[in-house]
C-alpha cells in the first residue's frame, strides 16, 4: 500500500487550451511558482500572452497559434496521431520533467475534455501528473493508498470507468463498493480523520482533493 503525502516539488507547469481562470491562477499558481518552467500546448500560449504570462516553451503543430514574432522557444511536433497534450507530455518526459502540474484540462468541446482525461490516465502510468482547477487537485490512482488529508476535507472518487473500493475514515464508508460511470460514483465524500485508507480491489479511478500549492502528491 502506497502512502501519499503532499511534499513533492513541481518540475513544470503544463498549460492546455481549456478554461484558465487567470484571476485564480495569478494568485495561487504563477505567483507561488515563479521559477517553475511553463510549457504551453499550442493554443494555450495565446491565452498566457494575453494575460502577461510568458511560457518557456510552446509545443505542438501550431495550428491554433500565430507564432510570428514570439520571443519564446517553439517546439514543433507535427505528429497527427497525437494531440497537443500528448506532445507536451512527451516533451516533458523526454527532458526529465516527471512531476507536472496540469492547467486548463477542462473546457471547450465536451469530447476534448474527456479526451484530455483519457490522456492523463495513460501518461500517469509513467509520470507523476496532477491536475489543478479552482483550488482542487485531481490525479489518477490504480493501487491501494493511504493519503494524508485534513479532517472534513471533501474527497471525490470517480471511477475510470469501473472500480471496486473499500475505504476507511470517510464519512460515508465504501465496503467493496462497485463504482461505475453511469451507475454509481463516489463524489463529494468527507475525510473523518487525517489519514484515509482506500483499498482498490479492482479497476482504477480519479481522486479529487484540495490543492496544496506549491507541492503536489507523490503518486509514482
C-alpha atoms as a PDB file:
ATOM      1  CA  UNK A   1       0.000   0.000   0.000  1.00  0.00           C
ATOM      2  CA  UNK A   2       1.400   3.377  -1.033  1.00  0.00           C
ATOM      3  CA  UNK A   3       1.325   6.311   1.374  1.00  0.00           C
ATOM      4  CA  UNK A   4       0.559   9.547  -0.469  1.00  0.00           C
ATOM      5  CA  UNK A   5       1.887  12.756   1.040  1.00  0.00           C
ATOM      6  CA  UNK A   6       1.893  16.247  -0.448  1.00  0.00           C
ATOM      7  CA  UNK A   7       5.596  17.014  -0.302  1.00  0.00           C
ATOM      8  CA  UNK A   8       6.689  16.651  -3.934  1.00  0.00           C
ATOM      9  CA  UNK A   9       8.042  19.723  -5.718  1.00  0.00           C
ATOM     10  CA  UNK A  10       6.597  20.587  -9.111  1.00  0.00           C
ATOM     11  CA  UNK A  11       9.021  20.220 -12.034  1.00  0.00           C
ATOM     12  CA  UNK A  12       6.952  22.040 -14.645  1.00  0.00           C
ATOM     13  CA  UNK A  13       3.566  23.599 -15.355  1.00  0.00           C
ATOM     14  CA  UNK A  14       1.699  22.392 -18.452  1.00  0.00           C
ATOM     15  CA  UNK A  15      -0.985  24.736 -19.774  1.00  0.00           C
ATOM     16  CA  UNK A  16      -3.656  23.322 -22.069  1.00  0.00           C
ATOM     17  CA  UNK A  17      -6.030  25.284 -24.264  1.00  0.00           C
ATOM     18  CA  UNK A  18      -9.030  24.873 -21.976  1.00  0.00           C
ATOM     19  CA  UNK A  19     -10.591  27.004 -19.258  1.00  0.00           C
ATOM     20  CA  UNK A  20      -7.965  29.065 -17.439  1.00  0.00           C
ATOM     21  CA  UNK A  21      -9.177  31.261 -14.583  1.00  0.00           C
ATOM     22  CA  UNK A  22      -6.301  33.743 -14.557  1.00  0.00           C
ATOM     23  CA  UNK A  23      -7.627  35.651 -11.555  1.00  0.00           C
ATOM     24  CA  UNK A  24      -7.252  32.459  -9.535  1.00  0.00           C
ATOM     25  CA  UNK A  25      -4.074  31.292 -11.276  1.00  0.00           C
ATOM     26  CA  UNK A  26      -2.194  34.556 -10.768  1.00  0.00           C
ATOM     27  CA  UNK A  27      -2.655  34.296  -7.000  1.00  0.00           C
ATOM     28  CA  UNK A  28      -2.490  30.552  -6.469  1.00  0.00           C
ATOM     29  CA  UNK A  29      -0.066  29.285  -9.129  1.00  0.00           C
ATOM     30  CA  UNK A  30       2.045  31.792 -11.021  1.00  0.00           C
ATOM     31  CA  UNK A  31       2.882  33.993  -8.027  1.00  0.00           C
ATOM     32  CA  UNK A  32       3.953  30.987  -5.935  1.00  0.00           C
ATOM     33  CA  UNK A  33       5.764  29.047  -8.678  1.00  0.00           C
ATOM     34  CA  UNK A  34       7.712  31.818 -10.377  1.00  0.00           C
ATOM     35  CA  UNK A  35      10.810  29.717 -11.104  1.00  0.00           C
ATOM     36  CA  UNK A  36       8.954  26.702 -12.492  1.00  0.00           C
ATOM     37  CA  UNK A  37       9.088  26.331 -16.312  1.00  0.00           C
ATOM     38  CA  UNK A  38       5.793  26.709 -18.158  1.00  0.00           C
ATOM     39  CA  UNK A  39       5.084  24.555 -21.220  1.00  0.00           C
ATOM     40  CA  UNK A  40       2.155  25.744 -23.326  1.00  0.00           C
ATOM     41  CA  UNK A  41       0.320  23.251 -25.516  1.00  0.00           C
ATOM     42  CA  UNK A  42      -0.108  25.182 -28.770  1.00  0.00           C
ATOM     43  CA  UNK A  43      -3.192  27.440 -28.455  1.00  0.00           C
ATOM     44  CA  UNK A  44      -2.796  27.871 -24.682  1.00  0.00           C
ATOM     45  CA  UNK A  45       0.120  30.208 -25.422  1.00  0.00           C
ATOM     46  CA  UNK A  46      -2.216  32.891 -26.788  1.00  0.00           C
ATOM     47  CA  UNK A  47      -4.159  32.943 -23.520  1.00  0.00           C
ATOM     48  CA  UNK A  48      -0.948  33.148 -21.495  1.00  0.00           C
ATOM     49  CA  UNK A  49       0.424  36.053 -23.537  1.00  0.00           C
ATOM     50  CA  UNK A  50      -2.923  37.855 -23.285  1.00  0.00           C
ATOM     51  CA  UNK A  51      -2.539  37.721 -19.501  1.00  0.00           C
ATOM     52  CA  UNK A  52       1.128  38.804 -19.491  1.00  0.00           C
ATOM     53  CA  UNK A  53       2.470  35.333 -18.770  1.00  0.00           C
ATOM     54  CA  UNK A  54       5.343  34.153 -20.932  1.00  0.00           C
ATOM     55  CA  UNK A  55       5.713  30.373 -21.334  1.00  0.00           C
ATOM     56  CA  UNK A  56       9.183  28.851 -21.551  1.00  0.00           C
ATOM     57  CA  UNK A  57       8.184  26.551 -24.436  1.00  0.00           C
ATOM     58  CA  UNK A  58       5.301  26.326 -26.892  1.00  0.00           C
ATOM     59  CA  UNK A  59       4.730  22.762 -28.051  1.00  0.00           C
ATOM     60  CA  UNK A  60       2.564  21.325 -30.825  1.00  0.00           C
ATOM     61  CA  UNK A  61       1.754  21.645 -34.508  1.00  0.00           C
ATOM     62  CA  UNK A  62       0.911  25.361 -34.061  1.00  0.00           C
ATOM     63  CA  UNK A  63      -2.471  25.043 -35.767  1.00  0.00           C
ATOM     64  CA  UNK A  64      -4.059  27.185 -33.030  1.00  0.00           C
ATOM     65  CA  UNK A  65      -1.363  29.834 -32.679  1.00  0.00           C
ATOM     66  CA  UNK A  66       0.072  32.727 -34.641  1.00  0.00           C
ATOM     67  CA  UNK A  67       3.710  32.030 -33.843  1.00  0.00           C
ATOM     68  CA  UNK A  68       5.142  35.091 -35.598  1.00  0.00           C
ATOM     69  CA  UNK A  69       7.240  37.493 -33.554  1.00  0.00           C
ATOM     70  CA  UNK A  70       7.045  35.482 -30.327  1.00  0.00           C
ATOM     71  CA  UNK A  71      10.149  35.728 -28.155  1.00  0.00           C
ATOM     72  CA  UNK A  72       9.879  32.155 -26.897  1.00  0.00           C
ATOM     73  CA  UNK A  73      11.198  28.773 -27.998  1.00  0.00           C
ATOM     74  CA  UNK A  74       8.773  26.797 -30.133  1.00  0.00           C
ATOM     75  CA  UNK A  75       8.973  23.002 -30.177  1.00  0.00           C
ATOM     76  CA  UNK A  76       7.229  21.919 -33.349  1.00  0.00           C
ATOM     77  CA  UNK A  77       5.634  18.493 -33.467  1.00  0.00           C
ATOM     78  CA  UNK A  78       3.510  17.649 -36.495  1.00  0.00           C
ATOM     79  CA  UNK A  79       2.587  14.100 -35.444  1.00  0.00           C
ATOM     80  CA  UNK A  80      -1.100  13.896 -36.417  1.00  0.00           C
ATOM     81  CA  UNK A  81      -1.535  10.720 -34.376  1.00  0.00           C
ATOM     82  CA  UNK A  82      -1.087  12.625 -31.124  1.00  0.00           C
ATOM     83  CA  UNK A  83      -2.924  15.516 -29.504  1.00  0.00           C
ATOM     84  CA  UNK A  84      -1.095  18.624 -28.282  1.00  0.00           C
ATOM     85  CA  UNK A  85      -1.484  17.449 -24.671  1.00  0.00           C
ATOM     86  CA  UNK A  86       0.345  14.226 -25.552  1.00  0.00           C
ATOM     87  CA  UNK A  87       3.061  16.104 -27.419  1.00  0.00           C
ATOM     88  CA  UNK A  88       3.630  18.350 -24.422  1.00  0.00           C
ATOM     89  CA  UNK A  89       3.787  15.393 -22.034  1.00  0.00           C
ATOM     90  CA  UNK A  90       6.225  13.639 -24.382  1.00  0.00           C
ATOM     91  CA  UNK A  91       8.453  16.708 -24.370  1.00  0.00           C
ATOM     92  CA  UNK A  92       8.331  16.921 -20.563  1.00  0.00           C
ATOM     93  CA  UNK A  93       9.088  13.232 -20.118  1.00  0.00           C
ATOM     94  CA  UNK A  94      11.917  13.221 -22.665  1.00  0.00           C
ATOM     95  CA  UNK A  95      13.516  16.150 -20.840  1.00  0.00           C
ATOM     96  CA  UNK A  96      13.277  14.538 -17.387  1.00  0.00           C
ATOM     97  CA  UNK A  97      10.296  16.504 -16.087  1.00  0.00           C
ATOM     98  CA  UNK A  98       8.322  13.958 -14.087  1.00  0.00           C
ATOM     99  CA  UNK A  99       6.233  15.937 -11.580  1.00  0.00           C
ATOM    100  CA  UNK A 100       3.883  18.007 -13.728  1.00  0.00           C
ATOM    101  CA  UNK A 101       1.052  20.343 -12.755  1.00  0.00           C
ATOM    102  CA  UNK A 102      -1.644  20.452 -15.455  1.00  0.00           C
ATOM    103  CA  UNK A 103      -3.768  23.577 -16.037  1.00  0.00           C
ATOM    104  CA  UNK A 104      -6.662  24.057 -18.458  1.00  0.00           C
ATOM    105  CA  UNK A 105      -7.632  20.393 -18.837  1.00  0.00           C
ATOM    106  CA  UNK A 106     -11.365  21.236 -18.947  1.00  0.00           C
ATOM    107  CA  UNK A 107     -13.245  23.466 -21.345  1.00  0.00           C
ATOM    108  CA  UNK A 108     -14.142  23.792 -24.984  1.00  0.00           C
ATOM    109  CA  UNK A 109     -15.809  20.859 -26.717  1.00  0.00           C
ATOM    110  CA  UNK A 110     -17.009  18.148 -24.326  1.00  0.00           C
ATOM    111  CA  UNK A 111     -15.177  15.405 -26.199  1.00  0.00           C
ATOM    112  CA  UNK A 112     -11.950  17.399 -25.968  1.00  0.00           C
ATOM    113  CA  UNK A 113     -12.225  17.490 -22.176  1.00  0.00           C
ATOM    114  CA  UNK A 114     -12.965  13.765 -21.943  1.00  0.00           C
ATOM    115  CA  UNK A 115     -10.083  13.020 -24.282  1.00  0.00           C
ATOM    116  CA  UNK A 116      -7.719  15.047 -22.091  1.00  0.00           C
ATOM    117  CA  UNK A 117      -8.672  12.964 -19.053  1.00  0.00           C
ATOM    118  CA  UNK A 118      -8.042   9.787 -21.048  1.00  0.00           C
ATOM    119  CA  UNK A 119      -4.566  11.061 -21.935  1.00  0.00           C
ATOM    120  CA  UNK A 120      -3.950  11.930 -18.288  1.00  0.00           C
ATOM    121  CA  UNK A 121      -4.790   8.358 -17.317  1.00  0.00           C
ATOM    122  CA  UNK A 122      -2.479   6.910 -19.977  1.00  0.00           C
ATOM    123  CA  UNK A 123       0.548   9.031 -19.096  1.00  0.00           C
ATOM    124  CA  UNK A 124       0.023   8.730 -15.331  1.00  0.00           C
ATOM    125  CA  UNK A 125       1.378   5.190 -15.592  1.00  0.00           C
ATOM    126  CA  UNK A 126       4.890   6.590 -16.105  1.00  0.00           C
ATOM    127  CA  UNK A 127       4.694  10.199 -14.860  1.00  0.00           C
ATOM    128  CA  UNK A 128       3.506  11.971 -11.717  1.00  0.00           C
ATOM    129  CA  UNK A 129       0.699  14.147 -13.081  1.00  0.00           C
ATOM    130  CA  UNK A 130      -1.606  16.418 -11.107  1.00  0.00           C
ATOM    131  CA  UNK A 131      -4.499  18.489 -12.475  1.00  0.00           C
ATOM    132  CA  UNK A 132      -5.318  21.839 -10.886  1.00  0.00           C
ATOM    133  CA  UNK A 133      -8.601  23.683 -11.257  1.00  0.00           C
ATOM    134  CA  UNK A 134     -10.356  26.106  -8.889  1.00  0.00           C
ATOM    135  CA  UNK A 135      -8.360  25.220  -5.749  1.00  0.00           C
ATOM    136  CA  UNK A 136      -8.713  21.464  -6.320  1.00  0.00           C
ATOM    137  CA  UNK A 137      -6.303  18.697  -7.356  1.00  0.00           C
ATOM    138  CA  UNK A 138      -7.136  15.650  -9.445  1.00  0.00           C
ATOM    139  CA  UNK A 139      -4.959  12.621 -10.179  1.00  0.00           C
ATOM    140  CA  UNK A 140      -5.176   9.020 -11.349  1.00  0.00           C
ATOM    141  CA  UNK A 141      -4.977   6.100  -8.901  1.00  0.00           C
ATOM    142  CA  UNK A 142      -4.511   2.414  -9.728  1.00  0.00           C
ATOM    143  CA  UNK A 143      -3.296   0.974  -6.394  1.00  0.00           C
ATOM    144  CA  UNK A 144      -4.076   0.790  -2.670  1.00  0.00           C
ATOM    145  CA  UNK A 145      -3.313   4.063  -0.899  1.00  0.00           C
ATOM    146  CA  UNK A 146      -3.061   5.831   2.421  1.00  0.00           C
ATOM    147  CA  UNK A 147      -3.488   9.563   1.918  1.00  0.00           C
ATOM    148  CA  UNK A 148      -2.964  12.435   4.361  1.00  0.00           C
ATOM    149  CA  UNK A 149      -5.864  14.903   4.253  1.00  0.00           C
ATOM    150  CA  UNK A 150      -7.399  17.495   6.514  1.00  0.00           C
ATOM    151  CA  UNK A 151     -10.279  16.448   8.719  1.00  0.00           C
ATOM    152  CA  UNK A 152     -13.606  17.189   6.973  1.00  0.00           C
ATOM    153  CA  UNK A 153     -11.863  17.765   3.642  1.00  0.00           C
ATOM    154  CA  UNK A 154     -14.009  16.963   0.609  1.00  0.00           C
ATOM    155  CA  UNK A 155     -12.716  13.942  -1.300  1.00  0.00           C
ATOM    156  CA  UNK A 156     -14.204  12.570  -4.515  1.00  0.00           C
ATOM    157  CA  UNK A 157     -13.543   9.161  -6.059  1.00  0.00           C
ATOM    158  CA  UNK A 158     -14.633   8.955  -9.692  1.00  0.00           C
ATOM    159  CA  UNK A 159     -14.207   5.551 -11.400  1.00  0.00           C
ATOM    160  CA  UNK A 160     -12.486   5.221 -14.764  1.00  0.00           C
ATOM    161  CA  UNK A 161     -14.637   3.583 -15.797  1.00  0.00           C
ATOM    162  CA  UNK A 162     -15.105   0.923 -13.080  1.00  0.00           C
ATOM    163  CA  UNK A 163     -13.606   0.415  -9.628  1.00  0.00           C
ATOM    164  CA  UNK A 164     -14.332  -1.735  -6.580  1.00  0.00           C
ATOM    165  CA  UNK A 165     -13.276   0.128  -3.436  1.00  0.00           C
ATOM    166  CA  UNK A 166     -13.172  -0.222   0.332  1.00  0.00           C
ATOM    167  CA  UNK A 167     -12.478   2.895   2.399  1.00  0.00           C
ATOM    168  CA  UNK A 168     -11.534   3.711   5.960  1.00  0.00           C
ATOM    169  CA  UNK A 169     -12.096   7.089   7.650  1.00  0.00           C
ATOM    170  CA  UNK A 170     -14.547   8.543   5.162  1.00  0.00           C
ATOM    171  CA  UNK A 171     -17.862   9.992   6.298  1.00  0.00           C
ATOM    172  CA  UNK A 172     -19.735   7.597   4.007  1.00  0.00           C
ATOM    173  CA  UNK A 173     -17.654   4.447   4.023  1.00  0.00           C
ATOM    174  CA  UNK A 174     -17.348   2.218   0.981  1.00  0.00           C
ATOM    175  CA  UNK A 175     -17.268  -1.538   1.589  1.00  0.00           C
ATOM    176  CA  UNK A 176     -16.270  -3.359  -1.600  1.00  0.00           C
ATOM    177  CA  UNK A 177     -18.430  -0.779  -3.306  1.00  0.00           C
ATOM    178  CA  UNK A 178     -18.862  -1.045  -7.069  1.00  0.00           C
ATOM    179  CA  UNK A 179     -18.288   2.354  -8.632  1.00  0.00           C
ATOM    180  CA  UNK A 180     -19.082   2.699 -12.315  1.00  0.00           C
ATOM    181  CA  UNK A 181     -19.620   5.613 -14.675  1.00  0.00           C
ATOM    182  CA  UNK A 182     -23.324   5.857 -15.459  1.00  0.00           C
ATOM    183  CA  UNK A 183     -24.254   3.669 -12.471  1.00  0.00           C
ATOM    184  CA  UNK A 184     -22.770   4.918  -9.192  1.00  0.00           C
ATOM    185  CA  UNK A 185     -19.940   7.353  -8.465  1.00  0.00           C
ATOM    186  CA  UNK A 186     -18.164   8.459  -5.303  1.00  0.00           C
ATOM    187  CA  UNK A 187     -18.228  12.261  -5.460  1.00  0.00           C
ATOM    188  CA  UNK A 188     -18.273  14.693  -2.514  1.00  0.00           C
ATOM    189  CA  UNK A 189     -17.400  12.500   0.430  1.00  0.00           C
ATOM    190  CA  UNK A 190     -15.600  13.769   3.556  1.00  0.00           C
ATOM    191  CA  UNK A 191     -12.488  12.698   5.465  1.00  0.00           C
ATOM    192  CA  UNK A 192     -13.344  11.860   9.074  1.00  0.00           C
ATOM    193  CA  UNK A 193      -9.673  11.644  10.055  1.00  0.00           C
ATOM    194  CA  UNK A 194      -6.404  12.997   8.686  1.00  0.00           C
ATOM    195  CA  UNK A 195      -5.319   9.593   7.354  1.00  0.00           C
ATOM    196  CA  UNK A 196      -7.663   7.963   4.837  1.00  0.00           C
ATOM    197  CA  UNK A 197      -7.200   4.431   3.547  1.00  0.00           C
ATOM    198  CA  UNK A 198      -8.569   3.378   0.162  1.00  0.00           C
ATOM    199  CA  UNK A 199      -8.265  -0.268  -0.848  1.00  0.00           C
ATOM    200  CA  UNK A 200      -8.671  -0.895  -4.559  1.00  0.00           C
ATOM    201  CA  UNK A 201      -9.959  -4.409  -5.237  1.00  0.00           C
ATOM    202  CA  UNK A 202     -10.180  -3.907  -8.993  1.00  0.00           C
ATOM    203  CA  UNK A 203     -10.238  -1.157 -11.601  1.00  0.00           C
ATOM    204  CA  UNK A 204      -8.902   2.387 -11.193  1.00  0.00           C
ATOM    205  CA  UNK A 205     -10.200   5.890 -10.521  1.00  0.00           C
ATOM    206  CA  UNK A 206      -9.566   9.615 -10.411  1.00  0.00           C
ATOM    207  CA  UNK A 207      -9.136  11.127  -6.954  1.00  0.00           C
ATOM    208  CA  UNK A 208     -10.001  14.765  -6.196  1.00  0.00           C
ATOM    209  CA  UNK A 209      -8.901  16.665  -3.069  1.00  0.00           C
ATOM    210  CA  UNK A 210      -7.954  20.215  -2.068  1.00  0.00           C
ATOM    211  CA  UNK A 211      -4.911  21.791  -3.728  1.00  0.00           C
ATOM    212  CA  UNK A 212      -1.582  22.022  -1.881  1.00  0.00           C
ATOM    213  CA  UNK A 213       0.397  24.595  -3.856  1.00  0.00           C
ATOM    214  CA  UNK A 214       3.424  24.720  -4.093  1.00  0.00           C
ATOM    215  CA  UNK A 215       3.513  20.914  -3.632  1.00  0.00           C
ATOM    216  CA  UNK A 216       1.759  18.029  -5.337  1.00  0.00           C
ATOM    217  CA  UNK A 217       1.144  14.449  -4.270  1.00  0.00           C
ATOM    218  CA  UNK A 218       3.829  11.815  -4.704  1.00  0.00           C
ATOM    219  CA  UNK A 219       1.902   9.207  -6.706  1.00  0.00           C
ATOM    220  CA  UNK A 220       4.713   7.369  -8.511  1.00  0.00           C
END
